[in-house]
Amino acid sequence: QLKYDVQHLQTALRNFQHRRYAREQQEKQREELLAR
């Protein structure tokens, strides 16, 4: 049960990192587009 809980937390952290990376990439591309 503890292993299941910690694996769920690890998956949630990775999903957040993926979303943050995609959001940062979108903001970077938008800034590049506006500055171009």
PDB file of all heavy atoms in Angstrom:
ATOM      1  N   GLN A   1       0.833  -1.210   0.000  1.00  0.00           N
ATOM      2  CA  GLN A   1       0.000   0.000   0.000  1.00  0.00           C
ATOM      3  C   GLN A   1       0.864   1.256   0.000  1.00  0.00           C
ATOM      4  O   GLN A   1       0.584   2.229  -0.711  1.00  0.00           O
ATOM      5  CB  GLN A   1      -0.925  -0.015   1.225  1.00  0.00           C
ATOM      6  CG  GLN A   1      -1.870   1.182   1.302  1.00  0.00           C
ATOM      7  CD  GLN A   1      -2.827   1.240   0.139  1.00  0.00           C
ATOM      8  OE1 GLN A   1      -3.339   0.215  -0.292  1.00  0.00           O
ATOM      9  NE2 GLN A   1      -3.074   2.425  -0.380  1.00  0.00           N
ATOM     10  N   LEU A   2       1.942   1.236   0.787  1.00  0.00           N
ATOM     11  CA  LEU A   2       2.863   2.376   0.785  1.00  0.00           C
ATOM     12  C   LEU A   2       3.530   2.540  -0.579  1.00  0.00           C
ATOM     13  O   LEU A   2       3.694   3.671  -1.070  1.00  0.00           O
ATOM     14  CB  LEU A   2       3.922   2.190   1.874  1.00  0.00           C
ATOM     15  CG  LEU A   2       3.455   2.289   3.329  1.00  0.00           C
ATOM     16  CD1 LEU A   2       4.632   2.072   4.270  1.00  0.00           C
ATOM     17  CD2 LEU A   2       2.795   3.629   3.613  1.00  0.00           C
ATOM     18  N   LYS A   3       3.914   1.429  -1.209  1.00  0.00           N
ATOM     19  CA  LYS A   3       4.530   1.500  -2.528  1.00  0.00           C
ATOM     20  C   LYS A   3       3.569   2.095  -3.544  1.00  0.00           C
ATOM     21  O   LYS A   3       3.963   2.895  -4.400  1.00  0.00           O
ATOM     22  CB  LYS A   3       4.978   0.103  -2.966  1.00  0.00           C
ATOM     23  CG  LYS A   3       6.155  -0.440  -2.187  1.00  0.00           C
ATOM     24  CD  LYS A   3       6.463  -1.880  -2.564  1.00  0.00           C
ATOM     25  CE  LYS A   3       6.869  -2.012  -3.992  1.00  0.00           C
ATOM     26  NZ  LYS A   3       7.241  -3.399  -4.322  1.00  0.00           N
ATOM     27  N   TYR A   4       2.300   1.686  -3.455  1.00  0.00           N
ATOM     28  CA  TYR A   4       1.299   2.250  -4.376  1.00  0.00           C
ATOM     29  C   TYR A   4       1.161   3.759  -4.178  1.00  0.00           C
ATOM     30  O   TYR A   4       1.102   4.525  -5.151  1.00  0.00           O
ATOM     31  CB  TYR A   4      -0.039   1.556  -4.159  1.00  0.00           C
ATOM     32  CG  TYR A   4      -1.172   2.161  -4.950  1.00  0.00           C
ATOM     33  CD1 TYR A   4      -1.339   1.865  -6.297  1.00  0.00           C
ATOM     34  CD2 TYR A   4      -2.067   3.049  -4.343  1.00  0.00           C
ATOM     35  CE1 TYR A   4      -2.369   2.427  -7.029  1.00  0.00           C
ATOM     36  CE2 TYR A   4      -3.101   3.613  -5.078  1.00  0.00           C
ATOM     37  CZ  TYR A   4      -3.255   3.299  -6.413  1.00  0.00           C
ATOM     38  OH  TYR A   4      -4.274   3.860  -7.128  1.00  0.00           O
ATOM     39  N   ASP A   5       1.133   4.211  -2.929  1.00  0.00           N
ATOM     40  CA  ASP A   5       0.985   5.647  -2.654  1.00  0.00           C
ATOM     41  C   ASP A   5       2.185   6.444  -3.176  1.00  0.00           C
ATOM     42  O   ASP A   5       2.013   7.497  -3.801  1.00  0.00           O
ATOM     43  CB  ASP A   5       0.824   5.874  -1.145  1.00  0.00           C
ATOM     44  CG  ASP A   5      -0.482   5.292  -0.616  1.00  0.00           C
ATOM     45  OD1 ASP A   5      -1.410   5.098  -1.426  1.00  0.00           O
ATOM     46  OD2 ASP A   5      -0.572   5.026   0.596  1.00  0.00           O
ATOM     47  N   VAL A   6       3.395   5.949  -2.934  1.00  0.00           N
ATOM     48  CA  VAL A   6       4.571   6.712  -3.346  1.00  0.00           C
ATOM     49  C   VAL A   6       4.731   6.679  -4.871  1.00  0.00           C
ATOM     50  O   VAL A   6       5.187   7.667  -5.483  1.00  0.00           O
ATOM     51  CB  VAL A   6       5.830   6.167  -2.634  1.00  0.00           C
ATOM     52  CG1 VAL A   6       6.231   4.808  -3.162  1.00  0.00           C
ATOM     53  CG2 VAL A   6       6.991   7.139  -2.783  1.00  0.00           C
ATOM     54  N   GLN A   7       4.349   5.577  -5.517  1.00  0.00           N
ATOM     55  CA  GLN A   7       4.387   5.552  -6.981  1.00  0.00           C
ATOM     56  C   GLN A   7       3.375   6.522  -7.573  1.00  0.00           C
ATOM     57  O   GLN A   7       3.637   7.155  -8.609  1.00  0.00           O
ATOM     58  CB  GLN A   7       4.125   4.130  -7.484  1.00  0.00           C
ATOM     59  CG  GLN A   7       5.283   3.170  -7.232  1.00  0.00           C
ATOM     60  CD  GLN A   7       4.943   1.740  -7.579  1.00  0.00           C
ATOM     61  OE1 GLN A   7       3.814   1.437  -7.989  1.00  0.00           O
ATOM     62  NE2 GLN A   7       5.893   0.839  -7.426  1.00  0.00           N
ATOM     63  N   HIS A   8       2.222   6.653  -6.925  1.00  0.00           N
ATOM     64  CA  HIS A   8       1.237   7.631  -7.373  1.00  0.00           C
ATOM     65  C   HIS A   8       1.797   9.047  -7.248  1.00  0.00           C
ATOM     66  O   HIS A   8       1.600   9.887  -8.152  1.00  0.00           O
ATOM     67  CB  HIS A   8      -0.042   7.479  -6.549  1.00  0.00           C
ATOM     68  CG  HIS A   8      -1.105   8.470  -6.899  1.00  0.00           C
ATOM     69  ND1 HIS A   8      -1.844   8.388  -8.058  1.00  0.00           N
ATOM     70  CD2 HIS A   8      -1.551   9.579  -6.239  1.00  0.00           C
ATOM     71  CE1 HIS A   8      -2.688   9.410  -8.113  1.00  0.00           C
ATOM     72  NE2 HIS A   8      -2.534  10.137  -7.019  1.00  0.00           N
ATOM     73  N   LEU A   9       2.500   9.337  -6.165  1.00  0.00           N
ATOM     74  CA  LEU A   9       3.108  10.661  -5.990  1.00  0.00           C
ATOM     75  C   LEU A   9       4.209  10.901  -7.021  1.00  0.00           C
ATOM     76  O   LEU A   9       4.335  12.009  -7.558  1.00  0.00           O
ATOM     77  CB  LEU A   9       3.668  10.783  -4.575  1.00  0.00           C
ATOM     78  CG  LEU A   9       2.639  10.823  -3.437  1.00  0.00           C
ATOM     79  CD1 LEU A   9       3.343  10.803  -2.085  1.00  0.00           C
ATOM     80  CD2 LEU A   9       1.761  12.061  -3.547  1.00  0.00           C
ATOM     81  N   GLN A  10       5.012   9.865  -7.302  1.00  0.00           N
ATOM     82  CA  GLN A  10       6.066  10.014  -8.303  1.00  0.00           C
ATOM     83  C   GLN A  10       5.475  10.310  -9.678  1.00  0.00           C
ATOM     84  O   GLN A  10       5.980  11.161 -10.425  1.00  0.00           O
ATOM     85  CB  GLN A  10       6.908   8.738  -8.358  1.00  0.00           C
ATOM     86  CG  GLN A  10       8.083   8.795  -9.315  1.00  0.00           C
ATOM     87  CD  GLN A  10       9.182   9.726  -8.838  1.00  0.00           C
ATOM     88  OE1 GLN A  10       9.865   9.439  -7.873  1.00  0.00           O
ATOM     89  NE2 GLN A  10       9.361  10.841  -9.527  1.00  0.00           N
ATOM     90  N   THR A  11       4.386   9.626 -10.029  1.00  0.00           N
ATOM     91  CA  THR A  11       3.730   9.874 -11.314  1.00  0.00           C
ATOM     92  C   THR A  11       3.144  11.281 -11.368  1.00  0.00           C
ATOM     93  O   THR A  11       3.238  11.965 -12.393  1.00  0.00           O
ATOM     94  CB  THR A  11       2.622   8.833 -11.536  1.00  0.00           C
ATOM     95  OG1 THR A  11       3.182   7.515 -11.466  1.00  0.00           O
ATOM     96  CG2 THR A  11       1.958   9.021 -12.894  1.00  0.00           C
ATOM     97  N   ALA A  12       2.550  11.725 -10.258  1.00  0.00           N
ATOM     98  CA  ALA A  12       1.993  13.080 -10.222  1.00  0.00           C
ATOM     99  C   ALA A  12       3.091  14.128 -10.401  1.00  0.00           C
ATOM    100  O   ALA A  12       2.902  15.130 -11.105  1.00  0.00           O
ATOM    101  CB  ALA A  12       1.257  13.297  -8.913  1.00  0.00           C
ATOM    102  N   LEU A  13       4.263  13.916  -9.796  1.00  0.00           N
ATOM    103  CA  LEU A  13       5.369  14.861  -9.943  1.00  0.00           C
ATOM    104  C   LEU A  13       5.850  14.908 -11.391  1.00  0.00           C
ATOM    105  O   LEU A  13       6.106  15.991 -11.946  1.00  0.00           O
ATOM    106  CB  LEU A  13       6.517  14.463  -9.015  1.00  0.00           C
ATOM    107  CG  LEU A  13       7.792  15.323  -9.095  1.00  0.00           C
ATOM    108  CD1 LEU A  13       7.484  16.771  -8.741  1.00  0.00           C
ATOM    109  CD2 LEU A  13       8.874  14.762  -8.184  1.00  0.00           C
ATOM    110  N   ARG A  14       5.972  13.750 -12.022  1.00  0.00           N
ATOM    111  CA  ARG A  14       6.425  13.726 -13.415  1.00  0.00           C
ATOM    112  C   ARG A  14       5.408  14.399 -14.336  1.00  0.00           C
ATOM    113  O   ARG A  14       5.796  15.130 -15.263  1.00  0.00           O
ATOM    114  CB  ARG A  14       6.651  12.275 -13.847  1.00  0.00           C
ATOM    115  CG  ARG A  14       7.865  11.628 -13.186  1.00  0.00           C
ATOM    116  CD  ARG A  14       7.991  10.167 -13.562  1.00  0.00           C
ATOM    117  NE  ARG A  14       9.152   9.547 -12.918  1.00  0.00           N
ATOM    118  CZ  ARG A  14       9.418   8.252 -12.964  1.00  0.00           C
ATOM    119  NH1 ARG A  14       8.593   7.431 -13.634  1.00  0.00           N
ATOM    120  NH2 ARG A  14      10.484   7.774 -12.364  1.00  0.00           N
ATOM    121  N   ASN A  15       4.126  14.170 -14.097  1.00  0.00           N
ATOM    122  CA  ASN A  15       3.109  14.826 -14.925  1.00  0.00           C
ATOM    123  C   ASN A  15       3.170  16.340 -14.761  1.00  0.00           C
ATOM    124  O   ASN A  15       3.026  17.082 -15.738  1.00  0.00           O
ATOM    125  CB  ASN A  15       1.724  14.313 -14.553  1.00  0.00           C
ATOM    126  CG  ASN A  15       1.522  12.863 -14.955  1.00  0.00           C
ATOM    127  OD1 ASN A  15       2.189  12.361 -15.850  1.00  0.00           O
ATOM    128  ND2 ASN A  15       0.611  12.180 -14.283  1.00  0.00           N
ATOM    129  N   PHE A  16       3.390  16.805 -13.531  1.00  0.00           N
ATOM    130  CA  PHE A  16       3.514  18.251 -13.312  1.00  0.00           C
ATOM    131  C   PHE A  16       4.737  18.804 -14.033  1.00  0.00           C
ATOM    132  O   PHE A  16       4.677  19.897 -14.624  1.00  0.00           O
ATOM    133  CB  PHE A  16       3.601  18.550 -11.815  1.00  0.00           C
ATOM    134  CG  PHE A  16       3.818  20.003 -11.508  1.00  0.00           C
ATOM    135  CD1 PHE A  16       2.754  20.892 -11.508  1.00  0.00           C
ATOM    136  CD2 PHE A  16       5.101  20.487 -11.237  1.00  0.00           C
ATOM    137  CE1 PHE A  16       2.963  22.239 -11.234  1.00  0.00           C
ATOM    138  CE2 PHE A  16       5.311  21.828 -10.970  1.00  0.00           C
ATOM    139  CZ  PHE A  16       4.233  22.703 -10.965  1.00  0.00           C
ATOM    140  N   GLN A  17       5.847  18.066 -13.991  1.00  0.00           N
ATOM    141  CA  GLN A  17       7.052  18.534 -14.679  1.00  0.00           C
ATOM    142  C   GLN A  17       6.836  18.599 -16.188  1.00  0.00           C
ATOM    143  O   GLN A  17       7.307  19.537 -16.847  1.00  0.00           O
ATOM    144  CB  GLN A  17       8.223  17.607 -14.339  1.00  0.00           C
ATOM    145  CG  GLN A  17       8.695  17.733 -12.896  1.00  0.00           C
ATOM    146  CD  GLN A  17       9.765  16.708 -12.551  1.00  0.00           C
ATOM    147  OE1 GLN A  17       9.905  15.687 -13.226  1.00  0.00           O
ATOM    148  NE2 GLN A  17      10.514  16.974 -11.479  1.00  0.00           N
ATOM    149  N   HIS A  18       6.124  17.604 -16.740  1.00  0.00           N
ATOM    150  CA  HIS A  18       5.833  17.638 -18.173  1.00  0.00           C
ATOM    151  C   HIS A  18       4.954  18.836 -18.524  1.00  0.00           C
ATOM    152  O   HIS A  18       5.208  19.530 -19.531  1.00  0.00           O
ATOM    153  CB  HIS A  18       5.157  16.338 -18.603  1.00  0.00           C
ATOM    154  CG  HIS A  18       6.084  15.167 -18.673  1.00  0.00           C
ATOM    155  ND1 HIS A  18       7.237  15.178 -19.421  1.00  0.00           N
ATOM    156  CD2 HIS A  18       6.032  13.938 -18.089  1.00  0.00           C
ATOM    157  CE1 HIS A  18       7.870  14.014 -19.294  1.00  0.00           C
ATOM    158  NE2 HIS A  18       7.158  13.249 -18.492  1.00  0.00           N
ATOM    159  N   ARG A  19       3.944  19.087 -17.714  1.00  0.00           N
ATOM    160  CA  ARG A  19       3.069  20.233 -17.989  1.00  0.00           C
ATOM    161  C   ARG A  19       3.840  21.554 -17.863  1.00  0.00           C
ATOM    162  O   ARG A  19       3.645  22.464 -18.672  1.00  0.00           O
ATOM    163  CB  ARG A  19       1.881  20.223 -17.022  1.00  0.00           C
ATOM    164  CG  ARG A  19       0.910  19.075 -17.239  1.00  0.00           C
ATOM    165  CD  ARG A  19      -0.416  19.344 -16.536  1.00  0.00           C
ATOM    166  NE  ARG A  19      -0.239  19.620 -15.128  1.00  0.00           N
ATOM    167  CZ  ARG A  19      -0.256  18.687 -14.178  1.00  0.00           C
ATOM    168  NH1 ARG A  19      -0.444  17.408 -14.513  1.00  0.00           N
ATOM    169  NH2 ARG A  19      -0.090  19.007 -12.904  1.00  0.00           N
ATOM    170  N   ARG A  20       4.698  21.642 -16.839  1.00  0.00           N
ATOM    171  CA  ARG A  20       5.477  22.868 -16.668  1.00  0.00           C
ATOM    172  C   ARG A  20       6.418  23.070 -17.845  1.00  0.00           C
ATOM    173  O   ARG A  20       6.562  24.197 -18.359  1.00  0.00           O
ATOM    174  CB  ARG A  20       6.270  22.799 -15.364  1.00  0.00           C
ATOM    175  CG  ARG A  20       7.145  24.015 -15.106  1.00  0.00           C
ATOM    176  CD  ARG A  20       7.925  23.865 -13.810  1.00  0.00           C
ATOM    177  NE  ARG A  20       8.756  22.676 -13.806  1.00  0.00           N
ATOM    178  CZ  ARG A  20       9.933  22.579 -14.444  1.00  0.00           C
ATOM    179  NH1 ARG A  20      10.398  23.593 -15.156  1.00  0.00           N
ATOM    180  NH2 ARG A  20      10.639  21.462 -14.368  1.00  0.00           N
ATOM    181  N   TYR A  21       7.049  21.982 -18.301  1.00  0.00           N
ATOM    182  CA  TYR A  21       7.970  22.110 -19.434  1.00  0.00           C
ATOM    183  C   TYR A  21       7.221  22.551 -20.693  1.00  0.00           C
ATOM    184  O   TYR A  21       7.690  23.434 -21.435  1.00  0.00           O
ATOM    185  CB  TYR A  21       8.667  20.774 -19.672  1.00  0.00           C
ATOM    186  CG  TYR A  21       9.579  20.774 -20.877  1.00  0.00           C
ATOM    187  CD1 TYR A  21      10.826  21.394 -20.839  1.00  0.00           C
ATOM    188  CD2 TYR A  21       9.183  20.146 -22.063  1.00  0.00           C
ATOM    189  CE1 TYR A  21      11.664  21.395 -21.950  1.00  0.00           C
ATOM    190  CE2 TYR A  21      10.008  20.146 -23.171  1.00  0.00           C
ATOM    191  CZ  TYR A  21      11.244  20.771 -23.108  1.00  0.00           C
ATOM    192  OH  TYR A  21      12.058  20.783 -24.212  1.00  0.00           O
ATOM    193  N   ALA A  22       6.054  21.956 -20.947  1.00  0.00           N
ATOM    194  CA  ALA A  22       5.277  22.348 -22.125  1.00  0.00           C
ATOM    195  C   ALA A  22       4.817  23.798 -22.013  1.00  0.00           C
ATOM    196  O   ALA A  22       4.842  24.548 -23.009  1.00  0.00           O
ATOM    197  CB  ALA A  22       4.071  21.415 -22.284  1.00  0.00           C
ATOM    198  N   ARG A  23       4.414  24.214 -20.810  1.00  0.00           N
ATOM    199  CA  ARG A  23       3.976  25.603 -20.632  1.00  0.00           C
ATOM    200  C   ARG A  23       5.134  26.577 -20.833  1.00  0.00           C
ATOM    201  O   ARG A  23       4.974  27.641 -21.469  1.00  0.00           O
ATOM    202  CB  ARG A  23       3.371  25.765 -19.231  1.00  0.00           C
ATOM    203  CG  ARG A  23       2.752  27.116 -18.983  1.00  0.00           C
ATOM    204  CD  ARG A  23       1.924  27.120 -17.703  1.00  0.00           C
ATOM    205  NE  ARG A  23       2.702  26.739 -16.543  1.00  0.00           N
ATOM    206  CZ  ARG A  23       2.557  25.578 -15.888  1.00  0.00           C
ATOM    207  NH1 ARG A  23       1.645  24.697 -16.299  1.00  0.00           N
ATOM    208  NH2 ARG A  23       3.289  25.305 -14.818  1.00  0.00           N
ATOM    209  N   GLU A  24       6.306  26.227 -20.313  1.00  0.00           N
ATOM    210  CA  GLU A  24       7.466  27.093 -20.497  1.00  0.00           C
ATOM    211  C   GLU A  24       7.858  27.187 -21.965  1.00  0.00           C
ATOM    212  O   GLU A  24       8.252  28.259 -22.452  1.00  0.00           O
ATOM    213  CB  GLU A  24       8.635  26.579 -19.662  1.00  0.00           C
ATOM    214  CG  GLU A  24       8.436  26.747 -18.166  1.00  0.00           C
ATOM    215  CD  GLU A  24       9.591  26.157 -17.376  1.00  0.00           C
ATOM    216  OE1 GLU A  24      10.467  25.510 -18.004  1.00  0.00           O
ATOM    217  OE2 GLU A  24       9.609  26.326 -16.133  1.00  0.00           O
ATOM    218  N   GLN A  25       7.769  26.056 -22.682  1.00  0.00           N
ATOM    219  CA  GLN A  25       8.092  26.078 -24.107  1.00  0.00           C
ATOM    220  C   GLN A  25       7.108  26.948 -24.878  1.00  0.00           C
ATOM    221  O   GLN A  25       7.504  27.710 -25.779  1.00  0.00           O
ATOM    222  CB  GLN A  25       8.094  24.663 -24.664  1.00  0.00           C
ATOM    223  CG  GLN A  25       9.257  23.803 -24.190  1.00  0.00           C
ATOM    224  CD  GLN A  25      10.602  24.350 -24.655  1.00  0.00           C
ATOM    225  OE1 GLN A  25      11.404  24.827 -23.857  1.00  0.00           O
ATOM    226  NE2 GLN A  25      10.840  24.295 -25.951  1.00  0.00           N
ATOM    227  N   GLN A  26       5.841  26.848 -24.534  1.00  0.00           N
ATOM    228  CA  GLN A  26       4.847  27.688 -25.209  1.00  0.00           C
ATOM    229  C   GLN A  26       5.094  29.172 -24.942  1.00  0.00           C
ATOM    230  O   GLN A  26       5.004  30.007 -25.850  1.00  0.00           O
ATOM    231  CB  GLN A  26       3.449  27.280 -24.761  1.00  0.00           C
ATOM    232  CG  GLN A  26       3.012  25.911 -25.245  1.00  0.00           C
ATOM    233  CD  GLN A  26       1.669  25.502 -24.690  1.00  0.00           C
ATOM    234  OE1 GLN A  26       1.045  26.251 -23.926  1.00  0.00           O
ATOM    235  NE2 GLN A  26       1.216  24.307 -25.058  1.00  0.00           N
ATOM    236  N   GLU A  27       5.391  29.506 -23.680  1.00  0.00           N
ATOM    237  CA  GLU A  27       5.673  30.909 -23.358  1.00  0.00           C
ATOM    238  C   GLU A  27       6.932  31.403 -24.079  1.00  0.00           C
ATOM    239  O   GLU A  27       6.978  32.544 -24.572  1.00  0.00           O
ATOM    240  CB  GLU A  27       5.834  31.060 -21.846  1.00  0.00           C
ATOM    241  CG  GLU A  27       4.545  30.831 -21.069  1.00  0.00           C
ATOM    242  CD  GLU A  27       4.768  30.915 -19.570  1.00  0.00           C
ATOM    243  OE1 GLU A  27       5.944  31.069 -19.160  1.00  0.00           O
ATOM    244  OE2 GLU A  27       3.765  30.818 -18.814  1.00  0.00           O
ATOM    245  N   LYS A  28       7.943  30.524 -24.156  1.00  0.00           N
ATOM    246  CA  LYS A  28       9.168  30.912 -24.853  1.00  0.00           C
ATOM    247  C   LYS A  28       8.916  31.149 -26.328  1.00  0.00           C
ATOM    248  O   LYS A  28       9.397  32.146 -26.916  1.00  0.00           O
ATOM    249  CB  LYS A  28      10.215  29.820 -24.653  1.00  0.00           C
ATOM    250  CG  LYS A  28      11.543  30.115 -25.323  1.00  0.00           C
ATOM    251  CD  LYS A  28      12.527  28.983 -25.068  1.00  0.00           C
ATOM    252  CE  LYS A  28      13.856  29.260 -25.772  1.00  0.00           C
ATOM    253  NZ  LYS A  28      14.834  28.155 -25.568  1.00  0.00           N
ATOM    254  N   GLN A  29       8.143  30.271 -26.950  1.00  0.00           N
ATOM    255  CA  GLN A  29       7.832  30.438 -28.372  1.00  0.00           C
ATOM    256  C   GLN A  29       6.968  31.676 -28.612  1.00  0.00           C
ATOM    257  O   GLN A  29       7.147  32.384 -29.609  1.00  0.00           O
ATOM    258  CB  GLN A  29       7.128  29.180 -28.887  1.00  0.00           C
ATOM    259  CG  GLN A  29       8.008  27.943 -28.921  1.00  0.00           C
ATOM    260  CD  GLN A  29       7.237  26.681 -29.209  1.00  0.00           C
ATOM    261  OE1 GLN A  29       6.022  26.742 -29.445  1.00  0.00           O
ATOM    262  NE2 GLN A  29       7.928  25.549 -29.203  1.00  0.00           N
ATOM    263  N   ARG A  30       6.037  31.946 -27.691  1.00  0.00           N
ATOM    264  CA  ARG A  30       5.205  33.131 -27.844  1.00  0.00           C
ATOM    265  C   ARG A  30       6.039  34.413 -27.725  1.00  0.00           C
ATOM    266  O   ARG A  30       5.857  35.371 -28.492  1.00  0.00           O
ATOM    267  CB  ARG A  30       4.084  33.120 -26.803  1.00  0.00           C
ATOM    268  CG  ARG A  30       3.107  34.277 -26.955  1.00  0.00           C
ATOM    269  CD  ARG A  30       1.876  34.110 -26.094  1.00  0.00           C
ATOM    270  NE  ARG A  30       2.205  33.993 -24.694  1.00  0.00           N
ATOM    271  CZ  ARG A  30       2.106  32.858 -23.993  1.00  0.00           C
ATOM    272  NH1 ARG A  30       1.684  31.742 -24.592  1.00  0.00           N
ATOM    273  NH2 ARG A  30       2.405  32.820 -22.709  1.00  0.00           N
ATOM    274  N   GLU A  31       6.967  34.425 -26.762  1.00  0.00           N
ATOM    275  CA  GLU A  31       7.829  35.601 -26.616  1.00  0.00           C
ATOM    276  C   GLU A  31       8.721  35.788 -27.840  1.00  0.00           C
ATOM    277  O   GLU A  31       8.940  36.912 -28.303  1.00  0.00           O
ATOM    278  CB  GLU A  31       8.677  35.453 -25.357  1.00  0.00           C
ATOM    279  CG  GLU A  31       7.862  35.545 -24.064  1.00  0.00           C
ATOM    280  CD  GLU A  31       8.718  35.283 -22.842  1.00  0.00           C
ATOM    281  OE1 GLU A  31       9.930  34.973 -23.026  1.00  0.00           O
ATOM    282  OE2 GLU A  31       8.194  35.381 -21.718  1.00  0.00           O
ATOM    283  N   GLU A  32       9.248  34.665 -28.366  1.00  0.00           N
ATOM    284  CA  GLU A  32      10.068  34.773 -29.564  1.00  0.00           C
ATOM    285  C   GLU A  32       9.260  35.286 -30.751  1.00  0.00           C
ATOM    286  O   GLU A  32       9.753  36.069 -31.579  1.00  0.00           O
ATOM    287  CB  GLU A  32      10.693  33.420 -29.901  1.00  0.00           C
ATOM    288  CG  GLU A  32      11.744  32.963 -28.899  1.00  0.00           C
ATOM    289  CD  GLU A  32      12.290  31.583 -29.231  1.00  0.00           C
ATOM    290  OE1 GLU A  32      11.732  30.956 -30.179  1.00  0.00           O
ATOM    291  OE2 GLU A  32      13.234  31.127 -28.558  1.00  0.00           O
ATOM    292  N   LEU A  33       7.994  34.807 -30.822  1.00  0.00           N
ATOM    293  CA  LEU A  33       7.144  35.244 -31.924  1.00  0.00           C
ATOM    294  C   LEU A  33       6.816  36.732 -31.813  1.00  0.00           C
ATOM    295  O   LEU A  33       6.820  37.467 -32.818  1.00  0.00           O
ATOM    296  CB  LEU A  33       5.866  34.414 -31.951  1.00  0.00           C
ATOM    297  CG  LEU A  33       4.864  34.721 -33.072  1.00  0.00           C
ATOM    298  CD1 LEU A  33       5.484  34.464 -34.439  1.00  0.00           C
ATOM    299  CD2 LEU A  33       3.601  33.868 -32.903  1.00  0.00           C
ATOM    300  N   LEU A  34       6.520  37.175 -30.572  1.00  0.00           N
ATOM    301  CA  LEU A  34       6.192  38.597 -30.396  1.00  0.00           C
ATOM    302  C   LEU A  34       7.405  39.491 -30.600  1.00  0.00           C
ATOM    303  O   LEU A  34       7.278  40.653 -31.041  1.00  0.00           O
ATOM    304  CB  LEU A  34       5.605  38.817 -28.992  1.00  0.00           C
ATOM    305  CG  LEU A  34       4.238  38.163 -28.728  1.00  0.00           C
ATOM    306  CD1 LEU A  34       3.823  38.364 -27.272  1.00  0.00           C
ATOM    307  CD2 LEU A  34       3.176  38.723 -29.665  1.00  0.00           C
ATOM    308  N   ALA A  35       8.586  38.996 -30.255  1.00  0.00           N
ATOM    309  CA  ALA A  35       9.787  39.813 -30.399  1.00  0.00           C
ATOM    310  C   ALA A  35      10.364  39.789 -31.806  1.00  0.00           C
ATOM    311  O   ALA A  35      11.292  40.552 -32.107  1.00  0.00           O
ATOM    312  CB  ALA A  35      10.856  39.336 -29.410  1.00  0.00           C
ATOM    313  N   ARG A  36       9.806  38.964 -32.644  1.00  0.00           N
ATOM    314  CA  ARG A  36      10.364  38.826 -33.991  1.00  0.00           C
ATOM    315  C   ARG A  36       9.741  39.854 -34.931  1.00  0.00           C
ATOM    316  O   ARG A  36       8.547  40.135 -34.851  1.00  0.00           O
ATOM    317  CB  ARG A  36      10.106  37.404 -34.506  1.00  0.00           C
ATOM    318  CG  ARG A  36      10.707  37.123 -35.863  1.00  0.00           C
ATOM    319  CD  ARG A  36      10.511  35.660 -36.207  1.00  0.00           C
ATOM    320  NE  ARG A  36      11.084  35.353 -37.506  1.00  0.00           N
ATOM    321  CZ  ARG A  36      11.097  34.125 -38.035  1.00  0.00           C
ATOM    322  NH1 ARG A  36      10.566  33.119 -37.357  1.00  0.00           N
ATOM    323  NH2 ARG A  36      11.635  33.925 -39.223  1.00  0.00           N
TER     324      ARG A  36
END
